[in-house]
Protein backbone atom coordinates (compact mmCIF):
# COMPACT_ATOMS: atom_id res chain seq x y z
CA UNK A 1 0.00 0.00 0.00
CA UNK A 2 1.33 3.41 -1.00
CA UNK A 3 4.36 2.00 -2.87
CA UNK A 4 3.42 2.18 -6.54
CA UNK A 5 7.09 2.68 -7.35
CA UNK A 6 8.00 -0.93 -6.57
CA UNK A 7 8.68 -3.19 -9.56
CA UNK A 8 6.42 -6.19 -10.11
CA UNK A 9 9.47 -8.48 -10.25
CA UNK A 10 12.89 -7.95 -8.72
CA UNK A 11 15.75 -9.86 -7.17
CA UNK A 12 16.73 -8.73 -3.69
CA UNK A 13 19.45 -10.32 -1.57
CA UNK A 14 19.24 -13.53 -3.57
CA UNK A 15 15.43 -13.81 -3.48
CA UNK A 16 13.20 -13.43 -6.54
CA UNK A 17 10.25 -11.27 -5.47
CA UNK A 18 7.08 -11.36 -7.56
CA UNK A 19 4.37 -8.83 -6.63
CA UNK A 20 1.06 -9.89 -8.10
CA UNK A 21 -1.83 -7.59 -8.91
CA UNK A 22 -4.05 -7.32 -5.83
CA UNK A 23 -6.00 -4.68 -3.98
CA UNK A 24 -4.37 -2.95 -1.01
CA UNK A 25 -7.28 -1.24 0.71
CA UNK A 26 -7.14 -0.02 4.29
CA UNK A 27 -7.54 -3.12 6.44
CA UNK A 28 -9.70 -1.43 9.08
CA UNK A 29 -12.86 -2.44 7.20
CA UNK A 30 -13.37 -6.19 7.24
CA UNK A 31 -15.04 -6.30 3.81
CA UNK A 32 -12.17 -4.47 2.14
CA UNK A 33 -9.65 -6.66 3.92
CA UNK A 34 -11.51 -9.68 2.56
CA UNK A 35 -11.27 -8.23 -0.95
CA UNK A 36 -7.51 -7.81 -0.47
CA UNK A 37 -7.36 -11.48 0.51
CA UNK A 38 -9.37 -12.72 -2.46
CA UNK A 39 -7.55 -10.70 -5.11
CA UNK A 40 -4.18 -11.74 -3.73
CA UNK A 41 -5.12 -15.43 -3.50
CA UNK A 42 -6.41 -15.57 -7.07
CA UNK A 43 -3.39 -13.76 -8.49
CA UNK A 44 -0.91 -15.69 -6.36
CA UNK A 45 -2.33 -19.07 -7.34
CA UNK A 46 -2.09 -18.14 -11.02
CA UNK A 47 1.48 -16.84 -10.62
CA UNK A 48 2.40 -19.99 -8.73
ModelCIF file with pLDDT and N, C-alpha, C, O atoms, coordinates in Angstrom:
data_MODEL
#
_entry.id   MODEL 
#
_entity.id                         1 
_entity.type                       polymer 
_entity.pdbx_number_of_molecules   1 
#
_entity_poly.entity_id                      1 
_entity_poly.type                           'polypeptide(L)' 
_entity_poly.nstd_linkage                   no 
_entity_poly.nstd_monomer                   no 
_entity_poly.pdbx_seq_one_letter_code       
;(UNK)(UNK)(UNK)(UNK)(UNK)(UNK)(UNK)(UNK)(UNK)(UNK)(UNK)(UNK)(UNK)(UNK)(UNK)(UNK)
(UNK)(UNK)(UNK)(UNK)(UNK)(UNK)(UNK)(UNK)(UNK)(UNK)(UNK)(UNK)(UNK)(UNK)(UNK)(UNK)
(UNK)(UNK)(UNK)(UNK)(UNK)(UNK)(UNK)(UNK)(UNK)(UNK)(UNK)(UNK)(UNK)(UNK)(UNK)(UNK)
;
_entity_poly.pdbx_seq_one_letter_code_can   XXXXXXXXXXXXXXXXXXXXXXXXXXXXXXXXXXXXXXXXXXXXXXXX 
_entity_poly.pdbx_strand_id                 A 
#
loop_
_entity_poly_seq.entity_id 
_entity_poly_seq.num 
_entity_poly_seq.mon_id 
_entity_poly_seq.hetero 
1 1  UNK n 
1 2  UNK n 
1 3  UNK n 
1 4  UNK n 
1 5  UNK n 
1 6  UNK n 
1 7  UNK n 
1 8  UNK n 
1 9  UNK n 
1 10 UNK n 
1 11 UNK n 
1 12 UNK n 
1 13 UNK n 
1 14 UNK n 
1 15 UNK n 
1 16 UNK n 
1 17 UNK n 
1 18 UNK n 
1 19 UNK n 
1 20 UNK n 
1 21 UNK n 
1 22 UNK n 
1 23 UNK n 
1 24 UNK n 
1 25 UNK n 
1 26 UNK n 
1 27 UNK n 
1 28 UNK n 
1 29 UNK n 
1 30 UNK n 
1 31 UNK n 
1 32 UNK n 
1 33 UNK n 
1 34 UNK n 
1 35 UNK n 
1 36 UNK n 
1 37 UNK n 
1 38 UNK n 
1 39 UNK n 
1 40 UNK n 
1 41 UNK n 
1 42 UNK n 
1 43 UNK n 
1 44 UNK n 
1 45 UNK n 
1 46 UNK n 
1 47 UNK n 
1 48 UNK n 
#
_struct_asym.id          A 
_struct_asym.entity_id   1 
#
loop_
_ma_qa_metric.id 
_ma_qa_metric.mode 
_ma_qa_metric.name 
_ma_qa_metric.software_group_id 
_ma_qa_metric.type 
1 global pLDDT . pLDDT 
2 local  pLDDT . pLDDT 
#
_ma_qa_metric_global.metric_id      1 
_ma_qa_metric_global.metric_value   88.12 
_ma_qa_metric_global.model_id       1 
_ma_qa_metric_global.ordinal_id     1 
#
loop_
_ma_qa_metric_local.label_asym_id 
_ma_qa_metric_local.label_comp_id 
_ma_qa_metric_local.label_seq_id 
_ma_qa_metric_local.metric_id 
_ma_qa_metric_local.metric_value 
_ma_qa_metric_local.model_id 
_ma_qa_metric_local.ordinal_id 
A UNK 1  2 82.00 1 1  
A UNK 2  2 80.00 1 2  
A UNK 3  2 85.00 1 3  
A UNK 4  2 82.00 1 4  
A UNK 5  2 86.00 1 5  
A UNK 6  2 91.00 1 6  
A UNK 7  2 93.00 1 7  
A UNK 8  2 93.00 1 8  
A UNK 9  2 95.00 1 9  
A UNK 10 2 96.00 1 10 
A UNK 11 2 97.00 1 11 
A UNK 12 2 96.00 1 12 
A UNK 13 2 96.00 1 13 
A UNK 14 2 97.00 1 14 
A UNK 15 2 98.00 1 15 
A UNK 16 2 98.00 1 16 
A UNK 17 2 97.00 1 17 
A UNK 18 2 97.00 1 18 
A UNK 19 2 96.00 1 19 
A UNK 20 2 95.00 1 20 
A UNK 21 2 89.00 1 21 
A UNK 22 2 86.00 1 22 
A UNK 23 2 80.00 1 23 
A UNK 24 2 76.00 1 24 
A UNK 25 2 79.00 1 25 
A UNK 26 2 71.00 1 26 
A UNK 27 2 69.00 1 27 
A UNK 28 2 65.00 1 28 
A UNK 29 2 73.00 1 29 
A UNK 30 2 71.00 1 30 
A UNK 31 2 77.00 1 31 
A UNK 32 2 77.00 1 32 
A UNK 33 2 81.00 1 33 
A UNK 34 2 82.00 1 34 
A UNK 35 2 88.00 1 35 
A UNK 36 2 86.00 1 36 
A UNK 37 2 88.00 1 37 
A UNK 38 2 92.00 1 38 
A UNK 39 2 93.00 1 39 
A UNK 40 2 94.00 1 40 
A UNK 41 2 95.00 1 41 
A UNK 42 2 94.00 1 42 
A UNK 43 2 95.00 1 43 
A UNK 44 2 95.00 1 44 
A UNK 45 2 96.00 1 45 
A UNK 46 2 96.00 1 46 
A UNK 47 2 96.00 1 47 
A UNK 48 2 96.00 1 48 
#
loop_
_atom_site.group_PDB 
_atom_site.id 
_atom_site.type_symbol 
_atom_site.label_atom_id 
_atom_site.label_alt_id 
_atom_site.label_comp_id 
_atom_site.label_asym_id 
_atom_site.label_entity_id 
_atom_site.label_seq_id 
_atom_site.pdbx_PDB_ins_code 
_atom_site.Cartn_x 
_atom_site.Cartn_y 
_atom_site.Cartn_z 
_atom_site.occupancy 
_atom_site.B_iso_or_equiv 
_atom_site.pdbx_formal_charge 
_atom_site.auth_seq_id 
_atom_site.auth_comp_id 
_atom_site.auth_asym_id 
_atom_site.auth_atom_id 
_atom_site.pdbx_PDB_model_num 
ATOM 1   N N  . UNK A 1 1  ? 0.837   -1.198  0.000   1.00 82.00 ? 1  UNK A N  1 
ATOM 2   C CA . UNK A 1 1  ? 0.000   0.000   0.000   1.00 82.00 ? 1  UNK A CA 1 
ATOM 3   C C  . UNK A 1 1  ? 0.877   1.257   0.000   1.00 82.00 ? 1  UNK A C  1 
ATOM 4   O O  . UNK A 1 1  ? 1.777   1.400   0.828   1.00 82.00 ? 1  UNK A O  1 
ATOM 5   N N  . UNK A 1 2  ? 0.602   2.155   -0.936  1.00 80.00 ? 2  UNK A N  1 
ATOM 6   C CA . UNK A 1 2  ? 1.331   3.410   -1.001  1.00 80.00 ? 2  UNK A CA 1 
ATOM 7   C C  . UNK A 1 2  ? 2.688   3.323   -1.663  1.00 80.00 ? 2  UNK A C  1 
ATOM 8   O O  . UNK A 1 2  ? 3.425   4.308   -1.670  1.00 80.00 ? 2  UNK A O  1 
ATOM 9   N N  . UNK A 1 3  ? 3.051   2.154   -2.230  1.00 85.00 ? 3  UNK A N  1 
ATOM 10  C CA . UNK A 1 3  ? 4.361   2.001   -2.871  1.00 85.00 ? 3  UNK A CA 1 
ATOM 11  C C  . UNK A 1 3  ? 4.192   1.572   -4.327  1.00 85.00 ? 3  UNK A C  1 
ATOM 12  O O  . UNK A 1 3  ? 4.574   0.468   -4.714  1.00 85.00 ? 3  UNK A O  1 
ATOM 13  N N  . UNK A 1 4  ? 3.615   2.465   -5.118  1.00 82.00 ? 4  UNK A N  1 
ATOM 14  C CA . UNK A 1 4  ? 3.415   2.182   -6.536  1.00 82.00 ? 4  UNK A CA 1 
ATOM 15  C C  . UNK A 1 4  ? 4.724   2.160   -7.309  1.00 82.00 ? 4  UNK A C  1 
ATOM 16  O O  . UNK A 1 4  ? 4.764   1.729   -8.462  1.00 82.00 ? 4  UNK A O  1 
ATOM 17  N N  . UNK A 1 5  ? 5.801   2.628   -6.671  1.00 86.00 ? 5  UNK A N  1 
ATOM 18  C CA . UNK A 1 5  ? 7.091   2.682   -7.347  1.00 86.00 ? 5  UNK A CA 1 
ATOM 19  C C  . UNK A 1 5  ? 7.789   1.326   -7.398  1.00 86.00 ? 5  UNK A C  1 
ATOM 20  O O  . UNK A 1 5  ? 8.761   1.164   -8.136  1.00 86.00 ? 5  UNK A O  1 
ATOM 21  N N  . UNK A 1 6  ? 7.313   0.356   -6.632  1.00 91.00 ? 6  UNK A N  1 
ATOM 22  C CA . UNK A 1 6  ? 8.005   -0.932  -6.569  1.00 91.00 ? 6  UNK A CA 1 
ATOM 23  C C  . UNK A 1 6  ? 7.787   -1.729  -7.848  1.00 91.00 ? 6  UNK A C  1 
ATOM 24  O O  . UNK A 1 6  ? 6.673   -1.766  -8.371  1.00 91.00 ? 6  UNK A O  1 
ATOM 25  N N  . UNK A 1 7  ? 8.842   -2.371  -8.358  1.00 93.00 ? 7  UNK A N  1 
ATOM 26  C CA . UNK A 1 7  ? 8.676   -3.194  -9.564  1.00 93.00 ? 7  UNK A CA 1 
ATOM 27  C C  . UNK A 1 7  ? 7.861   -4.448  -9.266  1.00 93.00 ? 7  UNK A C  1 
ATOM 28  O O  . UNK A 1 7  ? 7.836   -4.931  -8.134  1.00 93.00 ? 7  UNK A O  1 
ATOM 29  N N  . UNK A 1 8  ? 7.202   -4.964  -10.287 1.00 93.00 ? 8  UNK A N  1 
ATOM 30  C CA . UNK A 1 8  ? 6.420   -6.194  -10.106 1.00 93.00 ? 8  UNK A CA 1 
ATOM 31  C C  . UNK A 1 8  ? 7.317   -7.411  -9.903  1.00 93.00 ? 8  UNK A C  1 
ATOM 32  O O  . UNK A 1 8  ? 6.914   -8.378  -9.257  1.00 93.00 ? 8  UNK A O  1 
ATOM 33  N N  . UNK A 1 9  ? 8.511   -7.371  -10.443 1.00 95.00 ? 9  UNK A N  1 
ATOM 34  C CA . UNK A 1 9  ? 9.468   -8.476  -10.253 1.00 95.00 ? 9  UNK A CA 1 
ATOM 35  C C  . UNK A 1 9  ? 10.840  -7.873  -10.006 1.00 95.00 ? 9  UNK A C  1 
ATOM 36  O O  . UNK A 1 9  ? 11.269  -6.967  -10.721 1.00 95.00 ? 9  UNK A O  1 
ATOM 37  N N  . UNK A 1 10 ? 11.521  -8.378  -8.995  1.00 96.00 ? 10 UNK A N  1 
ATOM 38  C CA . UNK A 1 10 ? 12.893  -7.946  -8.724  1.00 96.00 ? 10 UNK A CA 1 
ATOM 39  C C  . UNK A 1 10 ? 13.624  -9.036  -7.963  1.00 96.00 ? 10 UNK A C  1 
ATOM 40  O O  . UNK A 1 10 ? 13.008  -9.935  -7.392  1.00 96.00 ? 10 UNK A O  1 
ATOM 41  N N  . UNK A 1 11 ? 14.932  -8.945  -7.964  1.00 97.00 ? 11 UNK A N  1 
ATOM 42  C CA . UNK A 1 11 ? 15.751  -9.863  -7.170  1.00 97.00 ? 11 UNK A CA 1 
ATOM 43  C C  . UNK A 1 11 ? 16.411  -9.045  -6.070  1.00 97.00 ? 11 UNK A C  1 
ATOM 44  O O  . UNK A 1 11 ? 17.093  -8.055  -6.335  1.00 97.00 ? 11 UNK A O  1 
ATOM 45  N N  . UNK A 1 12 ? 16.197  -9.477  -4.830  1.00 96.00 ? 12 UNK A N  1 
ATOM 46  C CA . UNK A 1 12 ? 16.725  -8.734  -3.690  1.00 96.00 ? 12 UNK A CA 1 
ATOM 47  C C  . UNK A 1 12 ? 17.395  -9.708  -2.725  1.00 96.00 ? 12 UNK A C  1 
ATOM 48  O O  . UNK A 1 12 ? 16.761  -10.629 -2.210  1.00 96.00 ? 12 UNK A O  1 
ATOM 49  N N  . UNK A 1 13 ? 18.669  -9.491  -2.494  1.00 96.00 ? 13 UNK A N  1 
ATOM 50  C CA . UNK A 1 13 ? 19.447  -10.322 -1.571  1.00 96.00 ? 13 UNK A CA 1 
ATOM 51  C C  . UNK A 1 13 ? 19.269  -11.809 -1.861  1.00 96.00 ? 13 UNK A C  1 
ATOM 52  O O  . UNK A 1 13 ? 19.111  -12.624 -0.952  1.00 96.00 ? 13 UNK A O  1 
ATOM 53  N N  . UNK A 1 14 ? 19.297  -12.139 -3.152  1.00 97.00 ? 14 UNK A N  1 
ATOM 54  C CA . UNK A 1 14 ? 19.244  -13.535 -3.569  1.00 97.00 ? 14 UNK A CA 1 
ATOM 55  C C  . UNK A 1 14 ? 17.858  -14.103 -3.720  1.00 97.00 ? 14 UNK A C  1 
ATOM 56  O O  . UNK A 1 14 ? 17.715  -15.259 -4.120  1.00 97.00 ? 14 UNK A O  1 
ATOM 57  N N  . UNK A 1 15 ? 16.812  -13.326 -3.411  1.00 98.00 ? 15 UNK A N  1 
ATOM 58  C CA . UNK A 1 15 ? 15.432  -13.809 -3.476  1.00 98.00 ? 15 UNK A CA 1 
ATOM 59  C C  . UNK A 1 15 ? 14.726  -13.159 -4.656  1.00 98.00 ? 15 UNK A C  1 
ATOM 60  O O  . UNK A 1 15 ? 14.795  -11.943 -4.831  1.00 98.00 ? 15 UNK A O  1 
ATOM 61  N N  . UNK A 1 16 ? 14.040  -13.971 -5.475  1.00 98.00 ? 16 UNK A N  1 
ATOM 62  C CA . UNK A 1 16 ? 13.202  -13.429 -6.540  1.00 98.00 ? 16 UNK A CA 1 
ATOM 63  C C  . UNK A 1 16 ? 11.852  -13.052 -5.938  1.00 98.00 ? 16 UNK A C  1 
ATOM 64  O O  . UNK A 1 16 ? 11.151  -13.902 -5.387  1.00 98.00 ? 16 UNK A O  1 
ATOM 65  N N  . UNK A 1 17 ? 11.493  -11.782 -6.045  1.00 97.00 ? 17 UNK A N  1 
ATOM 66  C CA . UNK A 1 17 ? 10.254  -11.271 -5.469  1.00 97.00 ? 17 UNK A CA 1 
ATOM 67  C C  . UNK A 1 17 ? 9.286   -10.945 -6.598  1.00 97.00 ? 17 UNK A C  1 
ATOM 68  O O  . UNK A 1 17 ? 9.588   -10.135 -7.474  1.00 97.00 ? 17 UNK A O  1 
ATOM 69  N N  . UNK A 1 18 ? 8.113   -11.587 -6.569  1.00 97.00 ? 18 UNK A N  1 
ATOM 70  C CA . UNK A 1 18 ? 7.076   -11.357 -7.564  1.00 97.00 ? 18 UNK A CA 1 
ATOM 71  C C  . UNK A 1 18 ? 5.882   -10.737 -6.857  1.00 97.00 ? 18 UNK A C  1 
ATOM 72  O O  . UNK A 1 18 ? 5.290   -11.366 -5.980  1.00 97.00 ? 18 UNK A O  1 
ATOM 73  N N  . UNK A 1 19 ? 5.519   -9.516  -7.223  1.00 96.00 ? 19 UNK A N  1 
ATOM 74  C CA . UNK A 1 19 ? 4.366   -8.826  -6.626  1.00 96.00 ? 19 UNK A CA 1 
ATOM 75  C C  . UNK A 1 19 ? 3.193   -8.902  -7.586  1.00 96.00 ? 19 UNK A C  1 
ATOM 76  O O  . UNK A 1 19 ? 3.199   -8.277  -8.647  1.00 96.00 ? 19 UNK A O  1 
ATOM 77  N N  . UNK A 1 20 ? 2.194   -9.669  -7.204  1.00 95.00 ? 20 UNK A N  1 
ATOM 78  C CA . UNK A 1 20 ? 1.059   -9.889  -8.096  1.00 95.00 ? 20 UNK A CA 1 
ATOM 79  C C  . UNK A 1 20 ? 0.031   -8.777  -7.928  1.00 95.00 ? 20 UNK A C  1 
ATOM 80  O O  . UNK A 1 20 ? -0.018  -8.107  -6.897  1.00 95.00 ? 20 UNK A O  1 
ATOM 81  N N  . UNK A 1 21 ? -0.778  -8.597  -8.949  1.00 89.00 ? 21 UNK A N  1 
ATOM 82  C CA . UNK A 1 21 ? -1.831  -7.588  -8.908  1.00 89.00 ? 21 UNK A CA 1 
ATOM 83  C C  . UNK A 1 21 ? -2.856  -7.970  -7.842  1.00 89.00 ? 21 UNK A C  1 
ATOM 84  O O  . UNK A 1 21 ? -3.429  -9.059  -7.884  1.00 89.00 ? 21 UNK A O  1 
ATOM 85  N N  . UNK A 1 22 ? -3.078  -7.076  -6.895  1.00 86.00 ? 22 UNK A N  1 
ATOM 86  C CA . UNK A 1 22 ? -4.054  -7.317  -5.828  1.00 86.00 ? 22 UNK A CA 1 
ATOM 87  C C  . UNK A 1 22 ? -4.432  -5.975  -5.231  1.00 86.00 ? 22 UNK A C  1 
ATOM 88  O O  . UNK A 1 22 ? -3.675  -5.008  -5.319  1.00 86.00 ? 22 UNK A O  1 
ATOM 89  N N  . UNK A 1 23 ? -5.596  -5.923  -4.630  1.00 80.00 ? 23 UNK A N  1 
ATOM 90  C CA . UNK A 1 23 ? -5.995  -4.679  -3.980  1.00 80.00 ? 23 UNK A CA 1 
ATOM 91  C C  . UNK A 1 23 ? -5.221  -4.505  -2.679  1.00 80.00 ? 23 UNK A C  1 
ATOM 92  O O  . UNK A 1 23 ? -4.749  -5.475  -2.086  1.00 80.00 ? 23 UNK A O  1 
ATOM 93  N N  . UNK A 1 24 ? -5.100  -3.254  -2.249  1.00 76.00 ? 24 UNK A N  1 
ATOM 94  C CA . UNK A 1 24 ? -4.367  -2.945  -1.012  1.00 76.00 ? 24 UNK A CA 1 
ATOM 95  C C  . UNK A 1 24 ? -5.144  -1.887  -0.245  1.00 76.00 ? 24 UNK A C  1 
ATOM 96  O O  . UNK A 1 24 ? -4.603  -0.848  0.133   1.00 76.00 ? 24 UNK A O  1 
ATOM 97  N N  . UNK A 1 25 ? -6.435  -2.174  -0.020  1.00 79.00 ? 25 UNK A N  1 
ATOM 98  C CA . UNK A 1 25 ? -7.278  -1.236  0.708   1.00 79.00 ? 25 UNK A CA 1 
ATOM 99  C C  . UNK A 1 25 ? -6.883  -1.185  2.182   1.00 79.00 ? 25 UNK A C  1 
ATOM 100 O O  . UNK A 1 25 ? -6.207  -2.078  2.692   1.00 79.00 ? 25 UNK A O  1 
ATOM 101 N N  . UNK A 1 26 ? -7.317  -0.131  2.847   1.00 71.00 ? 26 UNK A N  1 
ATOM 102 C CA . UNK A 1 26 ? -7.141  -0.017  4.292   1.00 71.00 ? 26 UNK A CA 1 
ATOM 103 C C  . UNK A 1 26 ? -7.801  -1.220  4.962   1.00 71.00 ? 26 UNK A C  1 
ATOM 104 O O  . UNK A 1 26 ? -8.956  -1.541  4.682   1.00 71.00 ? 26 UNK A O  1 
ATOM 105 N N  . UNK A 1 27 ? -7.056  -1.878  5.848   1.00 69.00 ? 27 UNK A N  1 
ATOM 106 C CA . UNK A 1 27 ? -7.544  -3.124  6.442   1.00 69.00 ? 27 UNK A CA 1 
ATOM 107 C C  . UNK A 1 27 ? -8.495  -2.923  7.612   1.00 69.00 ? 27 UNK A C  1 
ATOM 108 O O  . UNK A 1 27 ? -8.945  -3.897  8.214   1.00 69.00 ? 27 UNK A O  1 
ATOM 109 N N  . UNK A 1 28 ? -8.809  -1.668  7.944   1.00 65.00 ? 28 UNK A N  1 
ATOM 110 C CA . UNK A 1 28 ? -9.701  -1.426  9.075   1.00 65.00 ? 28 UNK A CA 1 
ATOM 111 C C  . UNK A 1 28 ? -11.096 -1.961  8.807   1.00 65.00 ? 28 UNK A C  1 
ATOM 112 O O  . UNK A 1 28 ? -11.780 -2.388  9.737   1.00 65.00 ? 28 UNK A O  1 
ATOM 113 N N  . UNK A 1 29 ? -11.534 -1.944  7.545   1.00 73.00 ? 29 UNK A N  1 
ATOM 114 C CA . UNK A 1 29 ? -12.859 -2.444  7.196   1.00 73.00 ? 29 UNK A CA 1 
ATOM 115 C C  . UNK A 1 29 ? -12.747 -3.894  6.753   1.00 73.00 ? 29 UNK A C  1 
ATOM 116 O O  . UNK A 1 29 ? -12.005 -4.228  5.830   1.00 73.00 ? 29 UNK A O  1 
ATOM 117 N N  . UNK A 1 30 ? -13.508 -4.750  7.439   1.00 71.00 ? 30 UNK A N  1 
ATOM 118 C CA . UNK A 1 30 ? -13.368 -6.188  7.235   1.00 71.00 ? 30 UNK A CA 1 
ATOM 119 C C  . UNK A 1 30 ? -13.666 -6.593  5.797   1.00 71.00 ? 30 UNK A C  1 
ATOM 120 O O  . UNK A 1 30 ? -12.988 -7.457  5.241   1.00 71.00 ? 30 UNK A O  1 
ATOM 121 N N  . UNK A 1 31 ? -14.696 -5.960  5.182   1.00 77.00 ? 31 UNK A N  1 
ATOM 122 C CA . UNK A 1 31 ? -15.040 -6.302  3.812   1.00 77.00 ? 31 UNK A CA 1 
ATOM 123 C C  . UNK A 1 31 ? -13.919 -5.991  2.839   1.00 77.00 ? 31 UNK A C  1 
ATOM 124 O O  . UNK A 1 31 ? -13.643 -6.781  1.936   1.00 77.00 ? 31 UNK A O  1 
ATOM 125 N N  . UNK A 1 32 ? -13.269 -4.843  3.015   1.00 77.00 ? 32 UNK A N  1 
ATOM 126 C CA . UNK A 1 32 ? -12.166 -4.474  2.137   1.00 77.00 ? 32 UNK A CA 1 
ATOM 127 C C  . UNK A 1 32 ? -10.943 -5.354  2.382   1.00 77.00 ? 32 UNK A C  1 
ATOM 128 O O  . UNK A 1 32 ? -10.200 -5.678  1.456   1.00 77.00 ? 32 UNK A O  1 
ATOM 129 N N  . UNK A 1 33 ? -10.748 -5.732  3.636   1.00 81.00 ? 33 UNK A N  1 
ATOM 130 C CA . UNK A 1 33 ? -9.651  -6.661  3.919   1.00 81.00 ? 33 UNK A CA 1 
ATOM 131 C C  . UNK A 1 33 ? -9.909  -7.991  3.209   1.00 81.00 ? 33 UNK A C  1 
ATOM 132 O O  . UNK A 1 33 ? -8.996  -8.589  2.639   1.00 81.00 ? 33 UNK A O  1 
ATOM 133 N N  . UNK A 1 34 ? -11.164 -8.445  3.251   1.00 82.00 ? 34 UNK A N  1 
ATOM 134 C CA . UNK A 1 34 ? -11.513 -9.679  2.557   1.00 82.00 ? 34 UNK A CA 1 
ATOM 135 C C  . UNK A 1 34 ? -11.259 -9.584  1.060   1.00 82.00 ? 34 UNK A C  1 
ATOM 136 O O  . UNK A 1 34 ? -10.813 -10.550 0.441   1.00 82.00 ? 34 UNK A O  1 
ATOM 137 N N  . UNK A 1 35 ? -11.544 -8.417  0.473   1.00 88.00 ? 35 UNK A N  1 
ATOM 138 C CA . UNK A 1 35 ? -11.268 -8.229  -0.954  1.00 88.00 ? 35 UNK A CA 1 
ATOM 139 C C  . UNK A 1 35 ? -9.773  -8.277  -1.229  1.00 88.00 ? 35 UNK A C  1 
ATOM 140 O O  . UNK A 1 35 ? -9.344  -8.838  -2.238  1.00 88.00 ? 35 UNK A O  1 
ATOM 141 N N  . UNK A 1 36 ? -8.971  -7.688  -0.335  1.00 86.00 ? 36 UNK A N  1 
ATOM 142 C CA . UNK A 1 36 ? -7.508  -7.806  -0.467  1.00 86.00 ? 36 UNK A CA 1 
ATOM 143 C C  . UNK A 1 36 ? -7.094  -9.274  -0.492  1.00 86.00 ? 36 UNK A C  1 
ATOM 144 O O  . UNK A 1 36 ? -6.278  -9.691  -1.314  1.00 86.00 ? 36 UNK A O  1 
ATOM 145 N N  . UNK A 1 37 ? -7.675  -10.051 0.428   1.00 88.00 ? 37 UNK A N  1 
ATOM 146 C CA . UNK A 1 37 ? -7.356  -11.477 0.507   1.00 88.00 ? 37 UNK A CA 1 
ATOM 147 C C  . UNK A 1 37 ? -7.684  -12.183 -0.812  1.00 88.00 ? 37 UNK A C  1 
ATOM 148 O O  . UNK A 1 37 ? -6.846  -12.889 -1.373  1.00 88.00 ? 37 UNK A O  1 
ATOM 149 N N  . UNK A 1 38 ? -8.910  -11.985 -1.296  1.00 92.00 ? 38 UNK A N  1 
ATOM 150 C CA . UNK A 1 38 ? -9.374  -12.721 -2.463  1.00 92.00 ? 38 UNK A CA 1 
ATOM 151 C C  . UNK A 1 38 ? -8.576  -12.367 -3.709  1.00 92.00 ? 38 UNK A C  1 
ATOM 152 O O  . UNK A 1 38 ? -8.213  -13.251 -4.484  1.00 92.00 ? 38 UNK A O  1 
ATOM 153 N N  . UNK A 1 39 ? -8.301  -11.083 -3.910  1.00 93.00 ? 39 UNK A N  1 
ATOM 154 C CA . UNK A 1 39 ? -7.547  -10.696 -5.110  1.00 93.00 ? 39 UNK A CA 1 
ATOM 155 C C  . UNK A 1 39 ? -6.113  -11.216 -5.039  1.00 93.00 ? 39 UNK A C  1 
ATOM 156 O O  . UNK A 1 39 ? -5.544  -11.626 -6.052  1.00 93.00 ? 39 UNK A O  1 
ATOM 157 N N  . UNK A 1 40 ? -5.533  -11.199 -3.844  1.00 94.00 ? 40 UNK A N  1 
ATOM 158 C CA . UNK A 1 40 ? -4.182  -11.741 -3.725  1.00 94.00 ? 40 UNK A CA 1 
ATOM 159 C C  . UNK A 1 40 ? -4.172  -13.249 -3.980  1.00 94.00 ? 40 UNK A C  1 
ATOM 160 O O  . UNK A 1 40 ? -3.330  -13.749 -4.726  1.00 94.00 ? 40 UNK A O  1 
ATOM 161 N N  . UNK A 1 41 ? -5.110  -13.975 -3.358  1.00 95.00 ? 41 UNK A N  1 
ATOM 162 C CA . UNK A 1 41 ? -5.123  -15.430 -3.500  1.00 95.00 ? 41 UNK A CA 1 
ATOM 163 C C  . UNK A 1 41 ? -5.285  -15.856 -4.953  1.00 95.00 ? 41 UNK A C  1 
ATOM 164 O O  . UNK A 1 41 ? -4.593  -16.761 -5.419  1.00 95.00 ? 41 UNK A O  1 
ATOM 165 N N  . UNK A 1 42 ? -6.201  -15.203 -5.672  1.00 94.00 ? 42 UNK A N  1 
ATOM 166 C CA . UNK A 1 42 ? -6.415  -15.568 -7.071  1.00 94.00 ? 42 UNK A CA 1 
ATOM 167 C C  . UNK A 1 42 ? -5.167  -15.287 -7.904  1.00 94.00 ? 42 UNK A C  1 
ATOM 168 O O  . UNK A 1 42 ? -4.755  -16.121 -8.710  1.00 94.00 ? 42 UNK A O  1 
ATOM 169 N N  . UNK A 1 43 ? -4.571  -14.119 -7.710  1.00 95.00 ? 43 UNK A N  1 
ATOM 170 C CA . UNK A 1 43 ? -3.386  -13.758 -8.491  1.00 95.00 ? 43 UNK A CA 1 
ATOM 171 C C  . UNK A 1 43 ? -2.185  -14.613 -8.107  1.00 95.00 ? 43 UNK A C  1 
ATOM 172 O O  . UNK A 1 43 ? -1.397  -15.006 -8.967  1.00 95.00 ? 43 UNK A O  1 
ATOM 173 N N  . UNK A 1 44 ? -2.047  -14.900 -6.817  1.00 95.00 ? 44 UNK A N  1 
ATOM 174 C CA . UNK A 1 44 ? -0.906  -15.692 -6.359  1.00 95.00 ? 44 UNK A CA 1 
ATOM 175 C C  . UNK A 1 44 ? -0.987  -17.128 -6.864  1.00 95.00 ? 44 UNK A C  1 
ATOM 176 O O  . UNK A 1 44 ? 0.023   -17.706 -7.266  1.00 95.00 ? 44 UNK A O  1 
ATOM 177 N N  . UNK A 1 45 ? -2.181  -17.702 -6.845  1.00 96.00 ? 45 UNK A N  1 
ATOM 178 C CA . UNK A 1 45 ? -2.333  -19.068 -7.339  1.00 96.00 ? 45 UNK A CA 1 
ATOM 179 C C  . UNK A 1 45 ? -1.967  -19.142 -8.817  1.00 96.00 ? 45 UNK A C  1 
ATOM 180 O O  . UNK A 1 45 ? -1.293  -20.078 -9.247  1.00 96.00 ? 45 UNK A O  1 
ATOM 181 N N  . UNK A 1 46 ? -2.414  -18.153 -9.598  1.00 96.00 ? 46 UNK A N  1 
ATOM 182 C CA . UNK A 1 46 ? -2.091  -18.137 -11.023 1.00 96.00 ? 46 UNK A CA 1 
ATOM 183 C C  . UNK A 1 46 ? -0.590  -17.960 -11.244 1.00 96.00 ? 46 UNK A C  1 
ATOM 184 O O  . UNK A 1 46 ? -0.002  -18.637 -12.087 1.00 96.00 ? 46 UNK A O  1 
ATOM 185 N N  . UNK A 1 47 ? 0.028   -17.051 -10.491 1.00 96.00 ? 47 UNK A N  1 
ATOM 186 C CA . UNK A 1 47 ? 1.476   -16.845 -10.618 1.00 96.00 ? 47 UNK A CA 1 
ATOM 187 C C  . UNK A 1 47 ? 2.244   -18.091 -10.206 1.00 96.00 ? 47 UNK A C  1 
ATOM 188 O O  . UNK A 1 47 ? 3.259   -18.437 -10.810 1.00 96.00 ? 47 UNK A O  1 
ATOM 189 N N  . UNK A 1 48 ? 1.745   -18.765 -9.164  1.00 96.00 ? 48 UNK A N  1 
ATOM 190 C CA . UNK A 1 48 ? 2.397   -19.990 -8.733  1.00 96.00 ? 48 UNK A CA 1 
ATOM 191 C C  . UNK A 1 48 ? 2.339   -21.087 -9.784  1.00 96.00 ? 48 UNK A C  1 
ATOM 192 O O  . UNK A 1 48 ? 2.850   -22.185 -9.560  1.00 96.00 ? 48 UNK A O  1 
#
